[in-house]
N, C-alpha and C. Protein backbone atom coordinates (compact mmCIF):
# COMPACT_ATOMS: atom_id res chain seq x y z
N MET A 1 21.90 -33.88 33.15
CA MET A 1 20.57 -33.35 32.88
C MET A 1 19.63 -34.48 32.44
N VAL A 2 18.45 -34.54 33.02
CA VAL A 2 17.46 -35.55 32.65
C VAL A 2 16.88 -35.20 31.29
N MET A 3 16.76 -36.20 30.42
CA MET A 3 16.18 -35.97 29.09
C MET A 3 15.10 -37.01 28.79
N LEU A 4 14.38 -37.42 29.83
CA LEU A 4 13.36 -38.45 29.66
C LEU A 4 12.09 -37.85 29.08
N LYS A 5 11.62 -38.41 27.97
CA LYS A 5 10.39 -37.96 27.34
C LYS A 5 9.48 -39.17 27.12
N ASN A 6 8.23 -39.02 27.49
CA ASN A 6 7.21 -40.00 27.14
C ASN A 6 6.43 -39.42 25.96
N ILE A 7 6.50 -40.11 24.83
CA ILE A 7 5.88 -39.60 23.61
C ILE A 7 4.73 -40.53 23.22
N TYR A 8 3.53 -39.99 23.27
CA TYR A 8 2.34 -40.77 22.95
C TYR A 8 1.96 -40.50 21.49
N ILE A 9 1.89 -41.58 20.71
CA ILE A 9 1.55 -41.47 19.29
C ILE A 9 0.08 -41.85 19.13
N ILE A 10 -0.72 -40.93 18.67
CA ILE A 10 -2.17 -41.15 18.57
C ILE A 10 -2.62 -41.06 17.11
N ARG A 11 -3.44 -42.03 16.72
CA ARG A 11 -4.10 -41.93 15.41
C ARG A 11 -5.44 -41.21 15.61
N HIS A 12 -5.79 -40.38 14.67
CA HIS A 12 -7.04 -39.62 14.74
C HIS A 12 -8.25 -40.53 14.89
N GLY A 13 -9.36 -39.96 15.29
CA GLY A 13 -10.60 -40.72 15.45
C GLY A 13 -11.18 -41.17 14.12
N GLU A 14 -12.17 -42.02 14.21
CA GLU A 14 -12.81 -42.58 13.02
C GLU A 14 -13.46 -41.48 12.18
N THR A 15 -13.40 -41.64 10.86
CA THR A 15 -13.99 -40.67 9.95
C THR A 15 -15.14 -41.31 9.17
N TYR A 16 -15.89 -40.47 8.48
CA TYR A 16 -17.00 -40.99 7.67
C TYR A 16 -16.49 -41.95 6.61
N LYS A 17 -15.33 -41.66 6.04
CA LYS A 17 -14.83 -42.46 4.93
C LYS A 17 -14.25 -43.79 5.38
N ASN A 18 -13.44 -43.79 6.44
CA ASN A 18 -12.83 -45.07 6.81
C ASN A 18 -13.75 -45.95 7.63
N SER A 19 -14.96 -45.47 7.90
CA SER A 19 -15.95 -46.33 8.57
C SER A 19 -16.74 -47.16 7.56
N LYS A 20 -16.57 -46.85 6.27
CA LYS A 20 -17.35 -47.52 5.23
C LYS A 20 -16.51 -48.43 4.36
N GLY A 21 -15.28 -48.67 4.74
CA GLY A 21 -14.40 -49.51 3.94
C GLY A 21 -12.97 -49.08 4.10
N GLU A 22 -12.07 -49.82 3.48
CA GLU A 22 -10.64 -49.49 3.59
C GLU A 22 -10.25 -48.59 2.43
N VAL A 23 -10.38 -47.30 2.66
CA VAL A 23 -10.13 -46.30 1.63
C VAL A 23 -8.73 -45.73 1.80
N PHE A 24 -8.03 -45.51 0.68
CA PHE A 24 -6.73 -44.83 0.73
C PHE A 24 -7.02 -43.33 0.86
N MET A 25 -7.22 -42.89 2.10
CA MET A 25 -7.60 -41.49 2.32
C MET A 25 -6.44 -40.54 2.09
N GLY A 26 -5.25 -40.92 2.58
CA GLY A 26 -4.07 -40.10 2.36
C GLY A 26 -4.28 -38.65 2.72
N VAL A 27 -4.10 -37.76 1.74
CA VAL A 27 -4.24 -36.33 1.99
C VAL A 27 -5.64 -35.83 1.65
N THR A 28 -6.55 -36.74 1.30
CA THR A 28 -7.93 -36.36 1.00
C THR A 28 -8.62 -35.85 2.26
N PRO A 29 -9.27 -34.69 2.22
CA PRO A 29 -9.97 -34.18 3.40
C PRO A 29 -11.04 -35.16 3.88
N SER A 30 -11.15 -35.31 5.19
CA SER A 30 -12.14 -36.21 5.77
C SER A 30 -12.43 -35.76 7.20
N HIS A 31 -13.71 -35.81 7.59
CA HIS A 31 -14.12 -35.32 8.90
C HIS A 31 -14.45 -36.49 9.82
N LEU A 32 -14.31 -36.26 11.10
CA LEU A 32 -14.69 -37.27 12.09
C LEU A 32 -16.19 -37.51 12.02
N ASN A 33 -16.59 -38.78 12.16
CA ASN A 33 -18.01 -39.08 12.30
C ASN A 33 -18.38 -39.04 13.78
N LYS A 34 -19.61 -39.41 14.09
CA LYS A 34 -20.08 -39.35 15.48
C LYS A 34 -19.22 -40.22 16.39
N ASN A 35 -18.89 -41.43 15.91
CA ASN A 35 -18.05 -42.33 16.71
C ASN A 35 -16.64 -41.76 16.89
N GLY A 36 -16.11 -41.14 15.83
CA GLY A 36 -14.78 -40.55 15.91
C GLY A 36 -14.70 -39.44 16.94
N LYS A 37 -15.79 -38.65 17.04
CA LYS A 37 -15.82 -37.59 18.04
C LYS A 37 -15.89 -38.18 19.45
N LYS A 38 -16.64 -39.26 19.59
CA LYS A 38 -16.71 -39.94 20.89
C LYS A 38 -15.32 -40.48 21.26
N GLN A 39 -14.63 -41.07 20.27
CA GLN A 39 -13.29 -41.60 20.53
C GLN A 39 -12.34 -40.50 20.97
N ALA A 40 -12.40 -39.35 20.32
CA ALA A 40 -11.52 -38.23 20.68
C ALA A 40 -11.80 -37.77 22.10
N ASN A 41 -13.07 -37.76 22.49
CA ASN A 41 -13.43 -37.40 23.86
C ASN A 41 -12.84 -38.39 24.86
N LEU A 42 -12.84 -39.67 24.52
CA LEU A 42 -12.29 -40.70 25.41
C LEU A 42 -10.76 -40.61 25.48
N ILE A 43 -10.13 -40.19 24.39
CA ILE A 43 -8.69 -39.94 24.45
C ILE A 43 -8.41 -38.83 25.45
N GLY A 44 -9.20 -37.77 25.39
CA GLY A 44 -9.03 -36.67 26.33
C GLY A 44 -9.16 -37.13 27.78
N LYS A 45 -10.13 -37.99 28.05
CA LYS A 45 -10.30 -38.51 29.41
C LYS A 45 -9.10 -39.34 29.84
N TYR A 46 -8.53 -40.11 28.90
CA TYR A 46 -7.35 -40.91 29.21
C TYR A 46 -6.20 -40.02 29.67
N PHE A 47 -6.04 -38.88 29.02
CA PHE A 47 -4.91 -38.00 29.34
C PHE A 47 -5.24 -36.97 30.41
N SER A 48 -6.44 -37.05 30.99
CA SER A 48 -6.81 -36.09 32.03
C SER A 48 -5.95 -36.24 33.29
N VAL A 49 -5.31 -37.40 33.45
CA VAL A 49 -4.45 -37.62 34.62
C VAL A 49 -2.97 -37.67 34.23
N ILE A 50 -2.68 -37.35 32.96
CA ILE A 50 -1.29 -37.33 32.48
C ILE A 50 -0.99 -35.92 31.99
N PRO A 51 -0.13 -35.17 32.67
CA PRO A 51 0.17 -33.81 32.24
C PRO A 51 0.93 -33.80 30.91
N ILE A 52 0.39 -33.13 29.92
CA ILE A 52 0.98 -33.09 28.59
C ILE A 52 1.64 -31.74 28.34
N LYS A 53 2.91 -31.77 27.99
CA LYS A 53 3.66 -30.55 27.71
C LYS A 53 3.20 -29.90 26.41
N LEU A 54 2.98 -30.72 25.39
CA LEU A 54 2.67 -30.19 24.06
C LEU A 54 2.04 -31.27 23.20
N ILE A 55 1.04 -30.88 22.40
CA ILE A 55 0.49 -31.75 21.37
C ILE A 55 0.98 -31.24 20.02
N LEU A 56 1.63 -32.11 19.27
CA LEU A 56 1.99 -31.80 17.90
C LEU A 56 1.04 -32.58 17.00
N THR A 57 0.36 -31.90 16.11
CA THR A 57 -0.67 -32.55 15.30
C THR A 57 -0.48 -32.31 13.81
N SER A 58 -0.84 -33.31 13.04
CA SER A 58 -0.93 -33.16 11.59
C SER A 58 -1.89 -32.02 11.26
N PRO A 59 -1.64 -31.29 10.17
CA PRO A 59 -2.53 -30.18 9.80
C PRO A 59 -3.83 -30.64 9.15
N GLN A 60 -3.99 -31.95 8.90
CA GLN A 60 -5.18 -32.43 8.22
C GLN A 60 -6.40 -32.39 9.14
N GLU A 61 -7.56 -32.16 8.53
CA GLU A 61 -8.78 -31.87 9.28
C GLU A 61 -9.10 -32.91 10.33
N ARG A 62 -8.98 -34.19 10.00
CA ARG A 62 -9.37 -35.24 10.95
C ARG A 62 -8.49 -35.24 12.20
N CYS A 63 -7.23 -34.82 12.04
CA CYS A 63 -6.34 -34.72 13.21
C CYS A 63 -6.62 -33.44 14.00
N ILE A 64 -6.88 -32.34 13.30
CA ILE A 64 -7.20 -31.09 13.98
C ILE A 64 -8.48 -31.24 14.80
N GLN A 65 -9.49 -31.90 14.22
CA GLN A 65 -10.73 -32.14 14.95
C GLN A 65 -10.48 -32.97 16.21
N THR A 66 -9.69 -34.03 16.06
CA THR A 66 -9.38 -34.89 17.21
C THR A 66 -8.67 -34.09 18.29
N THR A 67 -7.70 -33.28 17.89
CA THR A 67 -6.95 -32.45 18.84
C THR A 67 -7.86 -31.48 19.58
N ASN A 68 -8.73 -30.80 18.85
CA ASN A 68 -9.61 -29.80 19.46
C ASN A 68 -10.55 -30.44 20.49
N ILE A 69 -10.99 -31.66 20.23
CA ILE A 69 -11.85 -32.34 21.20
C ILE A 69 -11.05 -32.75 22.44
N ILE A 70 -9.82 -33.23 22.24
CA ILE A 70 -8.95 -33.57 23.38
C ILE A 70 -8.73 -32.34 24.26
N LEU A 71 -8.57 -31.18 23.62
CA LEU A 71 -8.29 -29.95 24.37
C LEU A 71 -9.47 -29.48 25.22
N LYS A 72 -10.63 -30.07 25.02
CA LYS A 72 -11.76 -29.75 25.89
C LYS A 72 -11.58 -30.36 27.28
N THR A 73 -10.70 -31.38 27.36
CA THR A 73 -10.49 -32.09 28.63
C THR A 73 -9.16 -31.72 29.27
N ILE A 74 -8.13 -31.55 28.45
CA ILE A 74 -6.82 -31.24 29.02
C ILE A 74 -6.38 -29.84 28.60
N ASN A 75 -5.53 -29.25 29.40
CA ASN A 75 -5.04 -27.89 29.14
C ASN A 75 -3.57 -27.96 28.75
N THR A 76 -3.29 -27.73 27.49
CA THR A 76 -1.90 -27.76 27.03
C THR A 76 -1.78 -26.94 25.76
N ASN A 77 -0.57 -26.83 25.25
CA ASN A 77 -0.32 -26.10 24.01
C ASN A 77 -0.35 -27.06 22.83
N ILE A 78 -0.64 -26.53 21.64
CA ILE A 78 -0.60 -27.35 20.44
C ILE A 78 0.32 -26.71 19.40
N GLU A 79 0.84 -27.56 18.55
CA GLU A 79 1.68 -27.10 17.44
C GLU A 79 1.25 -27.86 16.19
N ILE A 80 0.94 -27.14 15.13
CA ILE A 80 0.61 -27.77 13.85
C ILE A 80 1.93 -28.18 13.20
N GLU A 81 2.07 -29.47 12.95
CA GLU A 81 3.34 -30.00 12.43
C GLU A 81 3.08 -30.68 11.08
N PRO A 82 3.40 -30.01 9.96
CA PRO A 82 3.15 -30.56 8.63
C PRO A 82 3.81 -31.92 8.39
N ASN A 83 4.92 -32.19 9.07
CA ASN A 83 5.61 -33.46 8.87
C ASN A 83 4.84 -34.66 9.41
N LEU A 84 3.77 -34.42 10.16
CA LEU A 84 2.95 -35.51 10.69
C LEU A 84 1.78 -35.85 9.77
N ARG A 85 1.70 -35.20 8.60
CA ARG A 85 0.59 -35.47 7.68
C ARG A 85 0.70 -36.90 7.13
N GLU A 86 -0.39 -37.37 6.57
CA GLU A 86 -0.44 -38.72 6.04
C GLU A 86 0.30 -38.81 4.70
N MET A 87 0.63 -40.03 4.30
CA MET A 87 1.22 -40.28 2.99
C MET A 87 0.23 -39.88 1.89
N ASN A 88 0.74 -39.22 0.87
CA ASN A 88 -0.06 -38.91 -0.32
C ASN A 88 -0.05 -40.15 -1.22
N TYR A 89 -1.24 -40.70 -1.46
CA TYR A 89 -1.33 -41.93 -2.26
C TYR A 89 -1.49 -41.69 -3.75
N GLY A 90 -1.32 -40.46 -4.21
CA GLY A 90 -1.33 -40.19 -5.64
C GLY A 90 -2.61 -40.66 -6.32
N SER A 91 -2.47 -41.50 -7.32
CA SER A 91 -3.61 -41.97 -8.11
C SER A 91 -4.58 -42.84 -7.32
N TRP A 92 -4.15 -43.29 -6.13
CA TRP A 92 -5.03 -44.11 -5.29
C TRP A 92 -5.81 -43.29 -4.26
N GLU A 93 -5.59 -42.00 -4.24
CA GLU A 93 -6.26 -41.15 -3.26
C GLU A 93 -7.78 -41.30 -3.32
N ASN A 94 -8.37 -41.51 -2.14
CA ASN A 94 -9.83 -41.55 -1.98
C ASN A 94 -10.48 -42.70 -2.75
N VAL A 95 -9.74 -43.79 -2.94
CA VAL A 95 -10.27 -44.97 -3.64
C VAL A 95 -10.22 -46.16 -2.69
N ASP A 96 -11.27 -46.97 -2.71
CA ASP A 96 -11.33 -48.14 -1.84
C ASP A 96 -10.32 -49.18 -2.28
N ARG A 97 -9.71 -49.85 -1.30
CA ARG A 97 -8.70 -50.87 -1.59
C ARG A 97 -9.25 -51.97 -2.51
N SER A 98 -10.51 -52.35 -2.30
CA SER A 98 -11.11 -53.42 -3.11
C SER A 98 -11.16 -53.03 -4.59
N VAL A 99 -11.32 -51.74 -4.87
CA VAL A 99 -11.33 -51.26 -6.25
C VAL A 99 -9.93 -51.29 -6.84
N ILE A 100 -8.95 -50.84 -6.04
CA ILE A 100 -7.56 -50.82 -6.49
C ILE A 100 -7.09 -52.24 -6.83
N LYS A 101 -7.47 -53.21 -6.01
CA LYS A 101 -7.05 -54.59 -6.24
C LYS A 101 -7.47 -55.10 -7.61
N ILE A 102 -8.54 -54.56 -8.14
CA ILE A 102 -9.05 -54.98 -9.44
C ILE A 102 -8.54 -54.09 -10.56
N LYS A 103 -8.69 -52.77 -10.41
CA LYS A 103 -8.38 -51.83 -11.49
C LYS A 103 -6.89 -51.57 -11.65
N ASP A 104 -6.12 -51.75 -10.57
CA ASP A 104 -4.68 -51.49 -10.63
C ASP A 104 -3.94 -52.68 -10.02
N ARG A 105 -4.34 -53.86 -10.44
CA ARG A 105 -3.91 -55.11 -9.80
C ARG A 105 -2.39 -55.29 -9.82
N ILE A 106 -1.75 -55.03 -10.95
CA ILE A 106 -0.31 -55.29 -11.08
C ILE A 106 0.47 -54.38 -10.13
N VAL A 107 0.16 -53.09 -10.15
CA VAL A 107 0.86 -52.14 -9.27
C VAL A 107 0.57 -52.46 -7.82
N TYR A 108 -0.69 -52.81 -7.53
CA TYR A 108 -1.06 -53.12 -6.14
C TYR A 108 -0.27 -54.32 -5.63
N ASN A 109 -0.17 -55.37 -6.42
CA ASN A 109 0.57 -56.56 -5.98
C ASN A 109 2.04 -56.25 -5.77
N LYS A 110 2.61 -55.39 -6.62
CA LYS A 110 4.00 -54.99 -6.43
C LYS A 110 4.15 -54.13 -5.18
N TYR A 111 3.15 -53.31 -4.91
CA TYR A 111 3.16 -52.47 -3.71
C TYR A 111 3.14 -53.35 -2.45
N ILE A 112 2.32 -54.38 -2.46
CA ILE A 112 2.26 -55.30 -1.33
C ILE A 112 3.59 -56.02 -1.15
N GLU A 113 4.23 -56.35 -2.25
CA GLU A 113 5.52 -57.06 -2.21
C GLU A 113 6.63 -56.17 -1.66
N ASN A 114 6.70 -54.93 -2.13
CA ASN A 114 7.72 -53.99 -1.65
C ASN A 114 7.23 -52.56 -1.83
N PRO A 115 6.58 -51.99 -0.81
CA PRO A 115 6.01 -50.65 -0.93
C PRO A 115 7.04 -49.54 -1.10
N PHE A 116 8.31 -49.83 -0.78
CA PHE A 116 9.34 -48.81 -0.89
C PHE A 116 9.90 -48.69 -2.31
N LEU A 117 9.66 -49.69 -3.12
CA LEU A 117 10.09 -49.65 -4.50
C LEU A 117 8.93 -49.47 -5.46
N ASN A 118 7.74 -49.87 -5.02
CA ASN A 118 6.57 -49.85 -5.90
C ASN A 118 5.40 -49.18 -5.19
N PHE A 119 5.20 -47.90 -5.49
CA PHE A 119 4.08 -47.18 -4.89
C PHE A 119 3.28 -46.51 -6.02
N PRO A 120 2.07 -46.07 -5.73
CA PRO A 120 1.18 -45.58 -6.78
C PRO A 120 1.74 -44.38 -7.54
N GLU A 121 1.26 -44.22 -8.75
CA GLU A 121 1.68 -43.09 -9.58
C GLU A 121 1.33 -41.77 -8.88
N GLY A 122 2.31 -40.90 -8.78
CA GLY A 122 2.09 -39.60 -8.16
C GLY A 122 2.10 -39.62 -6.64
N ALA A 123 2.37 -40.79 -6.05
CA ALA A 123 2.34 -40.92 -4.59
C ALA A 123 3.67 -40.49 -3.98
N GLU A 124 3.61 -40.21 -2.68
CA GLU A 124 4.83 -39.91 -1.92
C GLU A 124 5.57 -41.21 -1.62
N ASN A 125 6.87 -41.17 -1.73
CA ASN A 125 7.68 -42.34 -1.38
C ASN A 125 7.56 -42.60 0.12
N PRO A 126 7.18 -43.84 0.53
CA PRO A 126 7.08 -44.13 1.97
C PRO A 126 8.35 -43.80 2.75
N LYS A 127 9.51 -43.86 2.10
CA LYS A 127 10.76 -43.49 2.78
C LYS A 127 10.73 -42.03 3.22
N ASP A 128 10.15 -41.19 2.37
CA ASP A 128 10.06 -39.77 2.71
C ASP A 128 9.08 -39.54 3.86
N VAL A 129 8.00 -40.33 3.88
CA VAL A 129 7.04 -40.24 4.98
C VAL A 129 7.73 -40.59 6.29
N LEU A 130 8.48 -41.70 6.28
CA LEU A 130 9.21 -42.13 7.47
C LEU A 130 10.21 -41.07 7.91
N ASN A 131 10.96 -40.53 6.98
CA ASN A 131 12.00 -39.56 7.33
C ASN A 131 11.42 -38.31 7.98
N ARG A 132 10.27 -37.86 7.50
CA ARG A 132 9.72 -36.63 8.08
C ARG A 132 9.12 -36.86 9.46
N ILE A 133 8.53 -38.03 9.70
CA ILE A 133 7.99 -38.28 11.04
C ILE A 133 9.13 -38.59 12.02
N LEU A 134 10.21 -39.20 11.53
CA LEU A 134 11.40 -39.40 12.36
C LEU A 134 12.02 -38.06 12.74
N PHE A 135 11.97 -37.12 11.83
CA PHE A 135 12.50 -35.79 12.11
C PHE A 135 11.78 -35.17 13.30
N VAL A 136 10.46 -35.33 13.33
CA VAL A 136 9.66 -34.78 14.44
C VAL A 136 10.01 -35.49 15.75
N LEU A 137 10.07 -36.82 15.69
CA LEU A 137 10.40 -37.60 16.90
C LEU A 137 11.76 -37.21 17.45
N ASN A 138 12.74 -37.12 16.58
CA ASN A 138 14.10 -36.77 17.03
C ASN A 138 14.17 -35.35 17.58
N ARG A 139 13.39 -34.46 17.01
CA ARG A 139 13.36 -33.08 17.52
C ARG A 139 12.87 -33.05 18.96
N ILE A 140 11.82 -33.81 19.24
CA ILE A 140 11.30 -33.86 20.61
C ILE A 140 12.31 -34.54 21.54
N CYS A 141 12.88 -35.64 21.08
CA CYS A 141 13.83 -36.38 21.92
C CYS A 141 15.06 -35.54 22.26
N ASN A 142 15.44 -34.64 21.39
CA ASN A 142 16.65 -33.86 21.60
C ASN A 142 16.42 -32.56 22.37
N LEU A 143 15.17 -32.30 22.75
CA LEU A 143 14.92 -31.13 23.59
C LEU A 143 15.55 -31.33 24.96
N HIS A 144 16.18 -30.30 25.47
CA HIS A 144 16.83 -30.39 26.78
C HIS A 144 15.85 -29.97 27.87
N ASN A 145 15.75 -30.75 28.90
CA ASN A 145 14.88 -30.42 30.02
C ASN A 145 15.41 -31.07 31.29
N GLU A 146 14.91 -30.60 32.41
CA GLU A 146 15.36 -31.11 33.70
C GLU A 146 14.33 -32.01 34.36
N PHE A 147 13.22 -32.25 33.67
CA PHE A 147 12.16 -33.05 34.25
C PHE A 147 11.67 -34.07 33.22
N GLU A 148 10.94 -35.06 33.70
CA GLU A 148 10.28 -36.00 32.81
C GLU A 148 9.06 -35.29 32.21
N LEU A 149 8.96 -35.30 30.89
CA LEU A 149 7.87 -34.60 30.22
C LEU A 149 7.11 -35.54 29.29
N ASN A 150 5.85 -35.20 29.04
CA ASN A 150 4.98 -36.00 28.19
C ASN A 150 4.54 -35.20 26.97
N TYR A 151 4.61 -35.83 25.81
CA TYR A 151 4.23 -35.19 24.56
C TYR A 151 3.25 -36.09 23.82
N ILE A 152 2.43 -35.49 22.96
CA ILE A 152 1.55 -36.23 22.07
C ILE A 152 1.88 -35.87 20.63
N LEU A 153 2.03 -36.89 19.79
CA LEU A 153 2.12 -36.70 18.34
C LEU A 153 0.85 -37.29 17.75
N LEU A 154 0.04 -36.49 17.09
CA LEU A 154 -1.23 -36.94 16.55
C LEU A 154 -1.13 -37.01 15.03
N SER A 155 -1.26 -38.25 14.51
CA SER A 155 -0.97 -38.45 13.10
C SER A 155 -1.94 -39.47 12.49
N HIS A 156 -1.45 -40.20 11.50
CA HIS A 156 -2.28 -41.04 10.65
C HIS A 156 -1.77 -42.48 10.57
N LYS A 157 -2.59 -43.36 10.04
CA LYS A 157 -2.33 -44.79 10.04
C LYS A 157 -0.98 -45.17 9.41
N THR A 158 -0.78 -44.80 8.16
CA THR A 158 0.44 -45.23 7.47
C THR A 158 1.68 -44.58 8.08
N ALA A 159 1.60 -43.29 8.36
CA ALA A 159 2.74 -42.59 8.95
C ALA A 159 3.14 -43.22 10.28
N ILE A 160 2.16 -43.53 11.11
CA ILE A 160 2.45 -44.12 12.42
C ILE A 160 3.01 -45.52 12.26
N ARG A 161 2.43 -46.32 11.38
CA ARG A 161 2.91 -47.70 11.20
C ARG A 161 4.34 -47.72 10.66
N LEU A 162 4.67 -46.80 9.77
CA LEU A 162 6.04 -46.73 9.26
C LEU A 162 7.02 -46.44 10.40
N LEU A 163 6.65 -45.50 11.26
CA LEU A 163 7.51 -45.15 12.39
C LEU A 163 7.69 -46.34 13.33
N LEU A 164 6.59 -46.98 13.71
CA LEU A 164 6.66 -48.09 14.66
C LEU A 164 7.42 -49.28 14.08
N ALA A 165 7.22 -49.56 12.80
CA ALA A 165 7.94 -50.67 12.16
C ALA A 165 9.44 -50.41 12.16
N PHE A 166 9.82 -49.17 11.93
CA PHE A 166 11.23 -48.80 11.95
C PHE A 166 11.82 -48.98 13.34
N LEU A 167 11.09 -48.54 14.36
CA LEU A 167 11.60 -48.61 15.74
C LEU A 167 11.59 -50.03 16.30
N ILE A 168 10.57 -50.82 15.93
CA ILE A 168 10.43 -52.16 16.49
C ILE A 168 11.22 -53.20 15.70
N ASN A 169 11.06 -53.18 14.39
CA ASN A 169 11.64 -54.22 13.53
C ASN A 169 12.90 -53.79 12.82
N HIS A 170 13.21 -52.50 12.89
CA HIS A 170 14.34 -51.94 12.13
C HIS A 170 14.16 -52.18 10.63
N ASP A 171 12.90 -52.35 10.23
CA ASP A 171 12.58 -52.60 8.82
C ASP A 171 11.22 -51.96 8.53
N PRO A 172 11.21 -50.71 8.08
CA PRO A 172 9.94 -50.03 7.87
C PRO A 172 9.06 -50.66 6.81
N SER A 173 9.64 -51.49 5.93
CA SER A 173 8.83 -52.14 4.89
C SER A 173 7.85 -53.14 5.47
N THR A 174 7.99 -53.47 6.77
CA THR A 174 7.07 -54.40 7.43
C THR A 174 5.89 -53.67 8.07
N PHE A 175 5.70 -52.41 7.71
CA PHE A 175 4.71 -51.59 8.44
C PHE A 175 3.29 -52.14 8.36
N ARG A 176 2.95 -52.86 7.31
CA ARG A 176 1.57 -53.36 7.19
C ARG A 176 1.27 -54.47 8.20
N LYS A 177 2.30 -55.02 8.85
CA LYS A 177 2.09 -56.04 9.87
C LYS A 177 1.71 -55.43 11.21
N ILE A 178 1.83 -54.12 11.32
CA ILE A 178 1.54 -53.43 12.58
C ILE A 178 0.14 -52.85 12.52
N LYS A 179 -0.64 -53.13 13.56
CA LYS A 179 -2.02 -52.66 13.62
C LYS A 179 -2.09 -51.35 14.39
N VAL A 180 -2.75 -50.36 13.79
CA VAL A 180 -2.94 -49.07 14.44
C VAL A 180 -4.38 -48.65 14.20
N ASN A 181 -5.24 -48.89 15.19
CA ASN A 181 -6.66 -48.56 15.05
C ASN A 181 -6.92 -47.07 15.19
N ASN A 182 -8.08 -46.65 14.72
CA ASN A 182 -8.50 -45.27 14.96
C ASN A 182 -8.50 -44.97 16.45
N ALA A 183 -7.97 -43.82 16.82
CA ALA A 183 -7.95 -43.33 18.21
C ALA A 183 -7.11 -44.20 19.14
N SER A 184 -6.26 -45.05 18.57
CA SER A 184 -5.36 -45.86 19.40
C SER A 184 -4.20 -45.02 19.90
N ILE A 185 -3.59 -45.49 20.99
CA ILE A 185 -2.45 -44.81 21.60
C ILE A 185 -1.26 -45.76 21.62
N SER A 186 -0.14 -45.31 21.14
CA SER A 186 1.12 -46.03 21.27
C SER A 186 2.08 -45.14 22.06
N LYS A 187 3.02 -45.76 22.75
CA LYS A 187 3.90 -44.97 23.60
C LYS A 187 5.36 -45.27 23.30
N ILE A 188 6.12 -44.20 23.13
CA ILE A 188 7.56 -44.28 22.90
C ILE A 188 8.25 -43.54 24.04
N ILE A 189 9.30 -44.15 24.57
CA ILE A 189 10.09 -43.51 25.62
C ILE A 189 11.45 -43.12 25.05
N CYS A 190 11.79 -41.87 25.22
CA CYS A 190 13.09 -41.36 24.79
C CYS A 190 13.88 -41.00 26.04
N ASN A 191 14.93 -41.74 26.30
CA ASN A 191 15.74 -41.55 27.51
C ASN A 191 17.17 -41.30 27.11
N ASN A 192 17.57 -40.02 27.21
CA ASN A 192 18.93 -39.64 26.81
C ASN A 192 19.26 -40.14 25.40
N LYS A 193 18.33 -39.86 24.48
CA LYS A 193 18.45 -40.16 23.05
C LYS A 193 18.28 -41.65 22.72
N LYS A 194 18.09 -42.50 23.72
CA LYS A 194 17.77 -43.89 23.47
C LYS A 194 16.26 -44.01 23.35
N ILE A 195 15.78 -44.55 22.23
CA ILE A 195 14.35 -44.60 21.94
C ILE A 195 13.85 -46.03 22.04
N GLU A 196 12.80 -46.23 22.83
CA GLU A 196 12.20 -47.55 22.99
C GLU A 196 10.68 -47.44 22.87
N VAL A 197 10.08 -48.47 22.29
CA VAL A 197 8.63 -48.53 22.20
C VAL A 197 8.10 -49.30 23.41
N GLU A 198 7.24 -48.66 24.22
CA GLU A 198 6.70 -49.32 25.40
C GLU A 198 5.45 -50.14 25.07
N PHE A 199 4.54 -49.56 24.28
CA PHE A 199 3.37 -50.32 23.84
C PHE A 199 2.82 -49.70 22.57
N ILE A 200 2.01 -50.48 21.85
CA ILE A 200 1.40 -49.99 20.61
C ILE A 200 -0.09 -50.33 20.59
N ASN A 201 -0.83 -49.50 19.89
CA ASN A 201 -2.24 -49.75 19.57
C ASN A 201 -3.10 -50.00 20.81
N LEU A 202 -2.87 -49.23 21.86
CA LEU A 202 -3.72 -49.33 23.05
C LEU A 202 -5.11 -48.78 22.72
N THR A 203 -6.15 -49.55 23.02
CA THR A 203 -7.53 -49.11 22.73
C THR A 203 -8.47 -49.28 23.93
N ASN A 204 -7.93 -49.69 25.08
CA ASN A 204 -8.78 -49.92 26.26
C ASN A 204 -9.62 -48.70 26.63
N HIS A 205 -9.05 -47.51 26.43
CA HIS A 205 -9.75 -46.28 26.80
C HIS A 205 -11.02 -46.07 25.99
N LEU A 206 -11.13 -46.72 24.85
CA LEU A 206 -12.28 -46.51 23.97
C LEU A 206 -13.51 -47.29 24.41
N TYR A 207 -13.34 -48.15 25.39
CA TYR A 207 -14.45 -48.99 25.84
C TYR A 207 -14.99 -48.56 27.20
N HIS A 208 -14.58 -47.37 27.64
CA HIS A 208 -15.11 -46.79 28.87
C HIS A 208 -16.31 -45.92 28.52
N ASN A 209 -17.22 -45.79 29.43
CA ASN A 209 -18.37 -44.92 29.21
C ASN A 209 -17.90 -43.47 29.21
N PRO A 210 -18.30 -42.70 28.19
CA PRO A 210 -17.87 -41.30 28.14
C PRO A 210 -18.50 -40.47 29.23
């Protein structure tokens, strides 16, 4: 039985908050700005020639908005998947990185050194973030089918970088070295439970005229 799956990992479009600086948005509600909506439209155009079996999306507003705009171009089913939500940054939620570097300098420097041992007060452990997004990936990979199928997982910056770092480097603590832009597309191929990353952070589609 063929079990080939093409899994496209998409980061939501640009929001009002992350267009004004590097904010630890985490689970803080945030809406797409005008550019983010344009980006979501261009994602839809990219997938207009790729039949998608299912979109699994984070329940957070910025991902739901991105998904709904994509659905204006392609016809497929969606599933709200709580495990694709962003990392909760606890006391750093909705605070600009430049502020954290000054007001919480010691914890921040330790976080940069080893985010798996030193994360903000009240924050989710990055290991737990990785485990829940891996759970979603493995669930899709283990679905039995007789044809090659395409899926979309729509999530967030930190969650996606943790997953890609684990798959590429076998060391999720290196996730900050991986770039994942707003509305970027990364592709994972699952072939009979063997998982490979084909490309990451594709943004060419964002420079086409809508």
